[in-house]
Structures are given as structure tokens and as C-alpha cells.
């Protein structure tokens, strides 16, 4: 998985209506690949997406 796909998967996993299976289908990978790249899923800890720094969001900052 690319870094962008991993970020996308993590973002989608923060929403309770999404499942690992649906995200895997969307990204064109297997469920086991999602678990491999998002290891906190296996431990049962909630997936937390780190906020992007404000400077990265605003061009010219």
C-alpha cells in the first residue's frame, strides 16, 4: 500500500459505518493487507488520525 492509501484507510476507519472489508474493497487490497498496514486494528485500539499541521493546509504559509 502507498502512504496515501494508508492515510485514506486510517481516515475511513475512524468512521463507525466503515468496515475493514469495505475499505479493503475500495482500495483494491485484501483485509489482511489493511491489518498489516494498520496494526493497531489487531490490538483493538481505536484508530486515531493525526491532524495535519495548519501550515500544510494553507498554501503560502
N, C-alpha and C. Protein backbone atom coordinates (compact mmCIF):
# COMPACT_ATOMS: atom_id res chain seq x y z
N UNK A 1 0.84 -1.18 0.00
CA UNK A 1 0.00 0.00 0.00
C UNK A 1 0.88 1.24 0.00
N UNK A 2 0.40 2.25 -0.68
CA UNK A 2 1.13 3.51 -0.68
C UNK A 2 0.82 4.28 0.60
N UNK A 3 1.65 5.26 0.89
CA UNK A 3 1.41 6.08 2.07
C UNK A 3 0.04 6.76 1.99
N UNK A 4 -0.35 7.18 0.81
CA UNK A 4 -1.65 7.82 0.63
C UNK A 4 -2.79 6.84 0.91
N UNK A 5 -2.66 5.60 0.44
CA UNK A 5 -3.68 4.58 0.71
C UNK A 5 -3.79 4.30 2.20
N UNK A 6 -2.66 4.26 2.88
CA UNK A 6 -2.67 4.00 4.33
C UNK A 6 -3.37 5.14 5.04
N UNK A 7 -3.05 6.38 4.67
CA UNK A 7 -3.73 7.54 5.28
C UNK A 7 -5.23 7.48 5.02
N UNK A 8 -5.61 7.13 3.79
CA UNK A 8 -7.02 7.05 3.43
C UNK A 8 -7.71 5.96 4.26
N UNK A 9 -7.09 4.81 4.39
CA UNK A 9 -7.66 3.72 5.17
C UNK A 9 -7.84 4.14 6.63
N UNK A 10 -6.82 4.78 7.19
CA UNK A 10 -6.91 5.23 8.59
C UNK A 10 -8.05 6.23 8.76
N UNK A 11 -8.18 7.15 7.81
CA UNK A 11 -9.25 8.14 7.87
C UNK A 11 -10.61 7.44 7.82
N UNK A 12 -10.76 6.52 6.88
CA UNK A 12 -12.04 5.81 6.75
C UNK A 12 -12.35 4.97 7.98
N UNK A 13 -11.33 4.43 8.62
CA UNK A 13 -11.54 3.59 9.80
C UNK A 13 -12.00 4.38 11.02
N UNK A 14 -11.86 5.69 11.00
CA UNK A 14 -12.33 6.50 12.12
C UNK A 14 -13.85 6.65 12.10
N UNK A 15 -14.47 6.30 10.99
CA UNK A 15 -15.92 6.41 10.84
C UNK A 15 -16.57 5.06 11.12
N UNK A 16 -17.45 5.00 12.10
CA UNK A 16 -18.01 3.70 12.53
C UNK A 16 -18.80 2.96 11.46
N UNK A 17 -19.30 3.65 10.45
CA UNK A 17 -20.08 2.97 9.42
C UNK A 17 -19.20 2.18 8.44
N UNK A 18 -17.89 2.42 8.45
CA UNK A 18 -16.98 1.71 7.55
C UNK A 18 -16.45 0.44 8.20
N UNK A 19 -16.29 -0.59 7.40
CA UNK A 19 -15.71 -1.84 7.89
C UNK A 19 -14.37 -2.07 7.21
N UNK A 20 -13.57 -2.92 7.81
CA UNK A 20 -12.28 -3.26 7.20
C UNK A 20 -12.52 -3.87 5.81
N UNK A 21 -13.54 -4.70 5.69
CA UNK A 21 -13.85 -5.32 4.40
C UNK A 21 -14.21 -4.29 3.34
N UNK A 22 -15.04 -3.32 3.70
CA UNK A 22 -15.45 -2.32 2.71
C UNK A 22 -14.29 -1.43 2.31
N UNK A 23 -13.44 -1.12 3.25
CA UNK A 23 -12.27 -0.28 2.94
C UNK A 23 -11.29 -1.06 2.06
N UNK A 24 -11.09 -2.33 2.37
CA UNK A 24 -10.21 -3.16 1.55
C UNK A 24 -10.72 -3.22 0.11
N UNK A 25 -12.03 -3.42 -0.05
CA UNK A 25 -12.61 -3.45 -1.41
C UNK A 25 -12.38 -2.13 -2.12
N UNK A 26 -12.63 -1.03 -1.43
CA UNK A 26 -12.46 0.30 -2.01
C UNK A 26 -11.03 0.53 -2.49
N UNK A 27 -10.07 0.09 -1.69
CA UNK A 27 -8.66 0.31 -2.02
C UNK A 27 -8.07 -0.78 -2.91
N UNK A 28 -8.84 -1.84 -3.15
CA UNK A 28 -8.35 -2.92 -4.02
C UNK A 28 -7.29 -3.78 -3.38
N UNK A 29 -7.40 -3.95 -2.06
CA UNK A 29 -6.45 -4.79 -1.33
C UNK A 29 -7.24 -5.79 -0.48
N UNK A 30 -6.53 -6.72 0.12
CA UNK A 30 -7.20 -7.70 0.98
C UNK A 30 -7.35 -7.14 2.40
N UNK A 31 -8.24 -7.77 3.16
CA UNK A 31 -8.41 -7.38 4.56
C UNK A 31 -7.10 -7.55 5.32
N UNK A 32 -6.38 -8.63 5.02
CA UNK A 32 -5.12 -8.87 5.73
C UNK A 32 -4.10 -7.77 5.44
N UNK A 33 -4.16 -7.18 4.25
CA UNK A 33 -3.26 -6.07 3.93
C UNK A 33 -3.60 -4.86 4.79
N UNK A 34 -4.89 -4.60 4.98
CA UNK A 34 -5.29 -3.48 5.85
C UNK A 34 -4.74 -3.73 7.26
N UNK A 35 -4.93 -4.94 7.78
CA UNK A 35 -4.43 -5.26 9.12
C UNK A 35 -2.90 -5.16 9.19
N UNK A 36 -2.22 -5.48 8.12
CA UNK A 36 -0.76 -5.40 8.11
C UNK A 36 -0.29 -3.95 8.21
N UNK A 37 -0.94 -3.05 7.48
CA UNK A 37 -0.51 -1.66 7.44
C UNK A 37 -1.15 -0.78 8.50
N UNK A 38 -2.17 -1.28 9.17
CA UNK A 38 -2.81 -0.55 10.27
C UNK A 38 -2.83 -1.51 11.47
N UNK A 39 -1.66 -1.78 12.05
CA UNK A 39 -1.54 -2.82 13.07
C UNK A 39 -2.35 -2.56 14.33
N UNK A 40 -2.71 -1.32 14.62
CA UNK A 40 -3.49 -1.07 15.83
C UNK A 40 -4.88 -1.68 15.76
N UNK A 41 -5.34 -2.05 14.57
CA UNK A 41 -6.62 -2.75 14.43
C UNK A 41 -6.60 -4.09 15.14
N UNK A 42 -5.50 -4.79 15.05
CA UNK A 42 -5.40 -6.12 15.65
C UNK A 42 -5.43 -6.05 17.17
N UNK A 43 -4.97 -4.93 17.73
CA UNK A 43 -4.95 -4.81 19.19
C UNK A 43 -6.27 -4.30 19.76
N UNK A 44 -7.17 -3.90 18.87
CA UNK A 44 -8.47 -3.41 19.32
C UNK A 44 -8.47 -1.95 19.73
N UNK A 45 -7.31 -1.29 19.60
CA UNK A 45 -7.27 0.14 19.92
C UNK A 45 -7.95 0.92 18.80
N UNK A 46 -8.63 2.02 19.15
CA UNK A 46 -9.25 2.82 18.10
C UNK A 46 -8.19 3.47 17.21
N UNK A 47 -8.52 3.61 15.95
CA UNK A 47 -7.61 4.26 15.00
C UNK A 47 -7.75 5.75 15.17
N UNK A 48 -6.63 6.43 15.40
CA UNK A 48 -6.63 7.88 15.57
C UNK A 48 -5.83 8.48 14.44
N UNK A 49 -6.45 9.41 13.73
CA UNK A 49 -5.77 10.10 12.64
C UNK A 49 -5.17 11.37 13.21
N UNK A 50 -3.87 11.55 13.01
CA UNK A 50 -3.21 12.75 13.50
C UNK A 50 -3.61 13.93 12.64
N UNK A 51 -3.96 15.07 13.24
CA UNK A 51 -4.34 16.23 12.44
C UNK A 51 -3.15 16.74 11.64
N UNK A 52 -3.45 17.24 10.46
CA UNK A 52 -2.41 17.79 9.60
C UNK A 52 -2.05 19.17 10.12
N UNK A 53 -0.78 19.49 10.08
CA UNK A 53 -0.33 20.80 10.54
C UNK A 53 -0.99 21.89 9.70
N UNK A 54 -1.38 22.97 10.32
CA UNK A 54 -2.08 24.06 9.64
C UNK A 54 -1.27 24.60 8.47
N UNK A 55 0.04 24.71 8.62
CA UNK A 55 0.89 25.22 7.55
C UNK A 55 0.81 24.36 6.30
N UNK A 56 0.57 23.07 6.47
CA UNK A 56 0.46 22.17 5.31
C UNK A 56 -0.85 22.38 4.58
N UNK A 57 -1.86 22.90 5.27
CA UNK A 57 -3.17 23.08 4.67
C UNK A 57 -3.31 24.40 3.93
N UNK A 58 -2.52 25.38 4.33
CA UNK A 58 -2.65 26.71 3.74
C UNK A 58 -1.47 27.00 2.82
N UNK A 59 -1.75 27.15 1.52
CA UNK A 59 -0.67 27.46 0.58
C UNK A 59 -0.04 28.80 0.92
N UNK A 60 1.26 28.86 0.78
CA UNK A 60 1.96 30.09 1.01
C UNK A 60 2.24 30.41 2.46
N UNK A 61 1.97 29.47 3.35
CA UNK A 61 2.21 29.72 4.78
C UNK A 61 3.64 29.42 5.13
